[in-house]
């Protein structure tokens, strides 16, 4: 290898190193220097309380109420639905972001919401219940269309909501 070629490699290496160090992202802040979260945000933020659930789908109804940290199935009587399964359904609805699709109430049939496949009603203490209507799955089958009863905004919710709903309904009939 000639000296001129070696010198050319050194120059290219110096240019690349300079470009790397000037465009590299800064290191993450240490935990000691992280600012305290503002009140009402972060992991300690109050979570909306749901004290009852009513699920209606396929001619079946499941109703459960919260007793402390556990869910107790009221309807159908004697159904063996695990409390953590109901908690997972509530978490899937509350914690999974819904993607807005359209606010055109005239297009409900396009999303299977003219005759919803399921109704999930969540009771809240000292507040009106909220009902989520579920329609058809999206074409990619990664989510299901839904809307809040009385609200024309159609959203795409995660398919895990439909999955947990189907598990609850299956457990209610066994």
Protein backbone atom coordinates (compact mmCIF):
# COMPACT_ATOMS: atom_id res chain seq x y z
CA UNK A 1 0.00 0.00 0.00
CA UNK A 2 1.36 3.38 -0.91
CA UNK A 3 1.71 6.28 1.54
CA UNK A 4 -0.73 8.36 -0.45
CA UNK A 5 -3.41 5.65 -0.19
CA UNK A 6 -2.83 5.28 3.57
CA UNK A 7 -3.05 9.06 3.99
CA UNK A 8 -6.31 9.09 2.01
CA UNK A 9 -7.78 6.41 4.34
CA UNK A 10 -6.78 8.50 7.38
CA UNK A 11 -8.46 11.60 5.94
CA UNK A 12 -11.65 9.65 5.15
CA UNK A 13 -11.63 8.15 8.68
CA UNK A 14 -11.20 11.62 10.22
CA UNK A 15 -14.10 13.03 8.17
CA UNK A 16 -16.37 10.11 9.09
CA UNK A 17 -15.44 10.35 12.79
CA UNK A 18 -16.19 14.08 12.78
CA UNK A 19 -19.55 13.49 11.10
CA UNK A 20 -20.41 10.73 13.58
CA UNK A 21 -19.60 12.73 16.70
CA UNK A 22 -21.35 15.90 15.50
CA UNK A 23 -24.58 14.09 14.54
CA UNK A 24 -24.76 11.47 17.31
CA UNK A 25 -27.70 12.00 19.69
CA UNK A 26 -26.87 13.14 23.22
CA UNK A 27 -26.77 10.47 25.92
CA UNK A 28 -29.98 9.98 27.93
CA UNK A 29 -30.20 11.98 31.15
CA UNK A 30 -29.32 10.18 34.35
CA UNK A 31 -32.09 9.28 36.76
CA UNK A 32 -30.59 11.61 39.36
CA UNK A 33 -31.01 14.65 37.10
CA UNK A 34 -34.52 13.75 35.86
CA UNK A 35 -37.14 16.33 36.81
CA UNK A 36 -39.95 15.33 39.11
CA UNK A 37 -43.22 14.70 37.26
CA UNK A 38 -45.82 17.41 37.39
CA UNK A 39 -48.87 16.68 39.53
CA UNK A 40 -51.55 14.67 37.74
CA UNK A 41 -49.12 12.98 35.34
CA UNK A 42 -46.91 9.95 35.45
CA UNK A 43 -47.42 6.55 37.05
CA UNK A 44 -49.02 7.98 40.20
CA UNK A 45 -51.70 9.88 38.27
CA UNK A 46 -55.25 8.95 39.24
CA UNK A 47 -56.78 6.39 36.91
CA UNK A 48 -60.45 6.72 35.98
CA UNK A 49 -62.43 4.35 38.16
CA UNK A 50 -64.73 1.81 36.57
CA UNK A 51 -67.06 0.15 39.04
CA UNK A 52 -69.23 -1.95 36.70
CA UNK A 53 -69.13 -3.53 33.27
CA UNK A 54 -71.97 -4.68 31.02
CA UNK A 55 -71.04 -6.58 27.86
CA UNK A 56 -73.63 -7.40 25.20
CA UNK A 57 -72.73 -9.42 22.12
CA UNK A 58 -74.25 -12.25 20.14
CA UNK A 59 -77.42 -12.30 22.23
CA UNK A 60 -75.42 -12.81 25.43
CA UNK A 61 -75.01 -10.40 28.32
CA UNK A 62 -72.32 -10.36 30.97
CA UNK A 63 -72.49 -7.96 33.88
CA UNK A 64 -69.85 -7.57 36.56
CA UNK A 65 -69.27 -5.18 39.46
CA UNK A 66 -66.07 -4.27 41.22
CA UNK A 67 -65.71 -5.42 44.81
CA UNK A 68 -62.47 -3.85 46.07
CA UNK A 69 -59.77 -4.92 43.62
CA UNK A 70 -61.74 -7.90 42.28
CA UNK A 71 -64.54 -8.21 39.75
CA UNK A 72 -67.65 -10.18 40.73
CA UNK A 73 -69.83 -11.54 37.92
CA UNK A 74 -73.50 -10.76 38.54
CA UNK A 75 -74.95 -11.94 35.24
CA UNK A 76 -75.06 -14.72 34.15
CA UNK A 77 -75.33 -16.09 37.67
CA UNK A 78 -72.65 -18.63 38.49
CA UNK A 79 -70.42 -17.83 35.51
CA UNK A 80 -66.76 -18.60 36.20
CA UNK A 81 -65.11 -15.59 34.59
CA UNK A 82 -61.73 -14.79 36.16
CA UNK A 83 -61.46 -11.34 37.69
CA UNK A 84 -58.10 -10.74 35.98
CA UNK A 85 -59.70 -11.39 32.58
CA UNK A 86 -62.23 -8.63 33.22
CA UNK A 87 -59.41 -6.37 34.44
CA UNK A 88 -57.50 -7.09 31.23
CA UNK A 89 -60.54 -6.11 29.16
CA UNK A 90 -60.93 -2.83 31.06
CA UNK A 91 -57.20 -2.13 30.68
CA UNK A 92 -57.33 -2.89 26.97
CA UNK A 93 -60.10 -0.33 26.51
CA UNK A 94 -58.69 2.37 28.79
CA UNK A 95 -54.97 2.09 28.11
CA UNK A 96 -54.79 1.31 24.40
CA UNK A 97 -54.91 4.47 22.29
CA UNK A 98 -57.74 4.68 19.79
CA UNK A 99 -56.94 6.07 16.35
CA UNK A 100 -59.55 8.48 14.94
CA UNK A 101 -60.95 7.37 11.59
CA UNK A 102 -63.79 9.74 10.73
CA UNK A 103 -66.46 11.90 12.32
CA UNK A 104 -69.00 11.24 9.56
CA UNK A 105 -72.01 9.71 11.33
CA UNK A 106 -73.58 8.88 7.94
CA UNK A 107 -70.89 6.25 7.34
CA UNK A 108 -71.65 4.01 10.35
CA UNK A 109 -72.61 1.11 8.03
CA UNK A 110 -69.17 1.25 6.36
CA UNK A 111 -67.60 0.36 9.70
CA UNK A 112 -70.18 -2.15 10.93
CA UNK A 113 -71.52 0.29 13.49
CA UNK A 114 -75.09 0.56 12.15
CA UNK A 115 -75.73 -2.77 13.89
CA UNK A 116 -72.81 -3.07 16.37
CA UNK A 117 -71.42 -6.53 17.03
CA UNK A 118 -70.88 -5.66 20.70
CA UNK A 119 -71.75 -3.05 23.33
CA UNK A 120 -69.45 -2.48 26.28
CA UNK A 121 -70.93 -0.25 28.97
CA UNK A 122 -68.63 0.96 31.74
CA UNK A 123 -70.20 2.30 34.91
CA UNK A 124 -68.41 5.05 36.81
CA UNK A 125 -69.16 6.24 40.33
CA UNK A 126 -70.83 9.65 40.38
CA UNK A 127 -70.75 9.89 36.56
CA UNK A 128 -72.86 8.70 33.67
CA UNK A 129 -71.96 5.30 32.20
CA UNK A 130 -69.97 5.22 28.97
CA UNK A 131 -70.89 2.80 26.19
CA UNK A 132 -68.42 1.70 23.52
CA UNK A 133 -69.95 0.18 20.40
CA UNK A 134 -67.78 -2.24 18.41
CA UNK A 135 -68.24 -2.82 14.70
CA UNK A 136 -66.25 -4.62 12.01
CA UNK A 137 -62.52 -5.33 12.00
CA UNK A 138 -60.42 -3.10 9.75
CA UNK A 139 -59.23 -4.58 6.41
CA UNK A 140 -55.79 -5.44 7.83
CA UNK A 141 -57.51 -7.12 10.83
CA UNK A 142 -55.26 -5.29 13.29
CA UNK A 143 -58.09 -3.46 15.00
CA UNK A 144 -61.82 -3.09 15.25
CA UNK A 145 -63.90 -0.02 14.51
CA UNK A 146 -65.75 1.51 17.40
CA UNK A 147 -67.49 4.62 18.64
CA UNK A 148 -68.86 5.95 21.87
CA UNK A 149 -72.64 5.82 22.02
CA UNK A 150 -73.96 9.24 21.07
CA UNK A 151 -70.66 10.42 19.56
CA UNK A 152 -70.24 10.44 15.75
CA UNK A 153 -66.41 10.04 15.98
CA UNK A 154 -65.42 6.60 14.67
CA UNK A 155 -62.16 5.23 16.03
CA UNK A 156 -60.01 2.18 15.48
CA UNK A 157 -59.34 0.32 18.72
CA UNK A 158 -56.82 -2.46 19.14
CA UNK A 159 -57.88 -5.98 18.27
CA UNK A 160 -56.99 -7.00 21.83
CA UNK A 161 -60.28 -5.41 22.97
CA UNK A 162 -62.21 -7.82 20.75
CA UNK A 163 -59.95 -10.69 21.87
CA UNK A 164 -60.65 -10.13 25.58
CA UNK A 165 -64.35 -9.61 24.88
CA UNK A 166 -64.50 -12.97 23.07
CA UNK A 167 -62.68 -14.68 25.96
CA UNK A 168 -65.13 -13.22 28.49
CA UNK A 169 -68.11 -14.33 26.41
CA UNK A 170 -66.66 -17.80 25.95
CA UNK A 171 -66.10 -18.15 29.71
CA UNK A 172 -69.64 -16.95 30.41
CA UNK A 173 -71.15 -19.82 28.43
CA UNK A 174 -68.99 -22.58 29.86
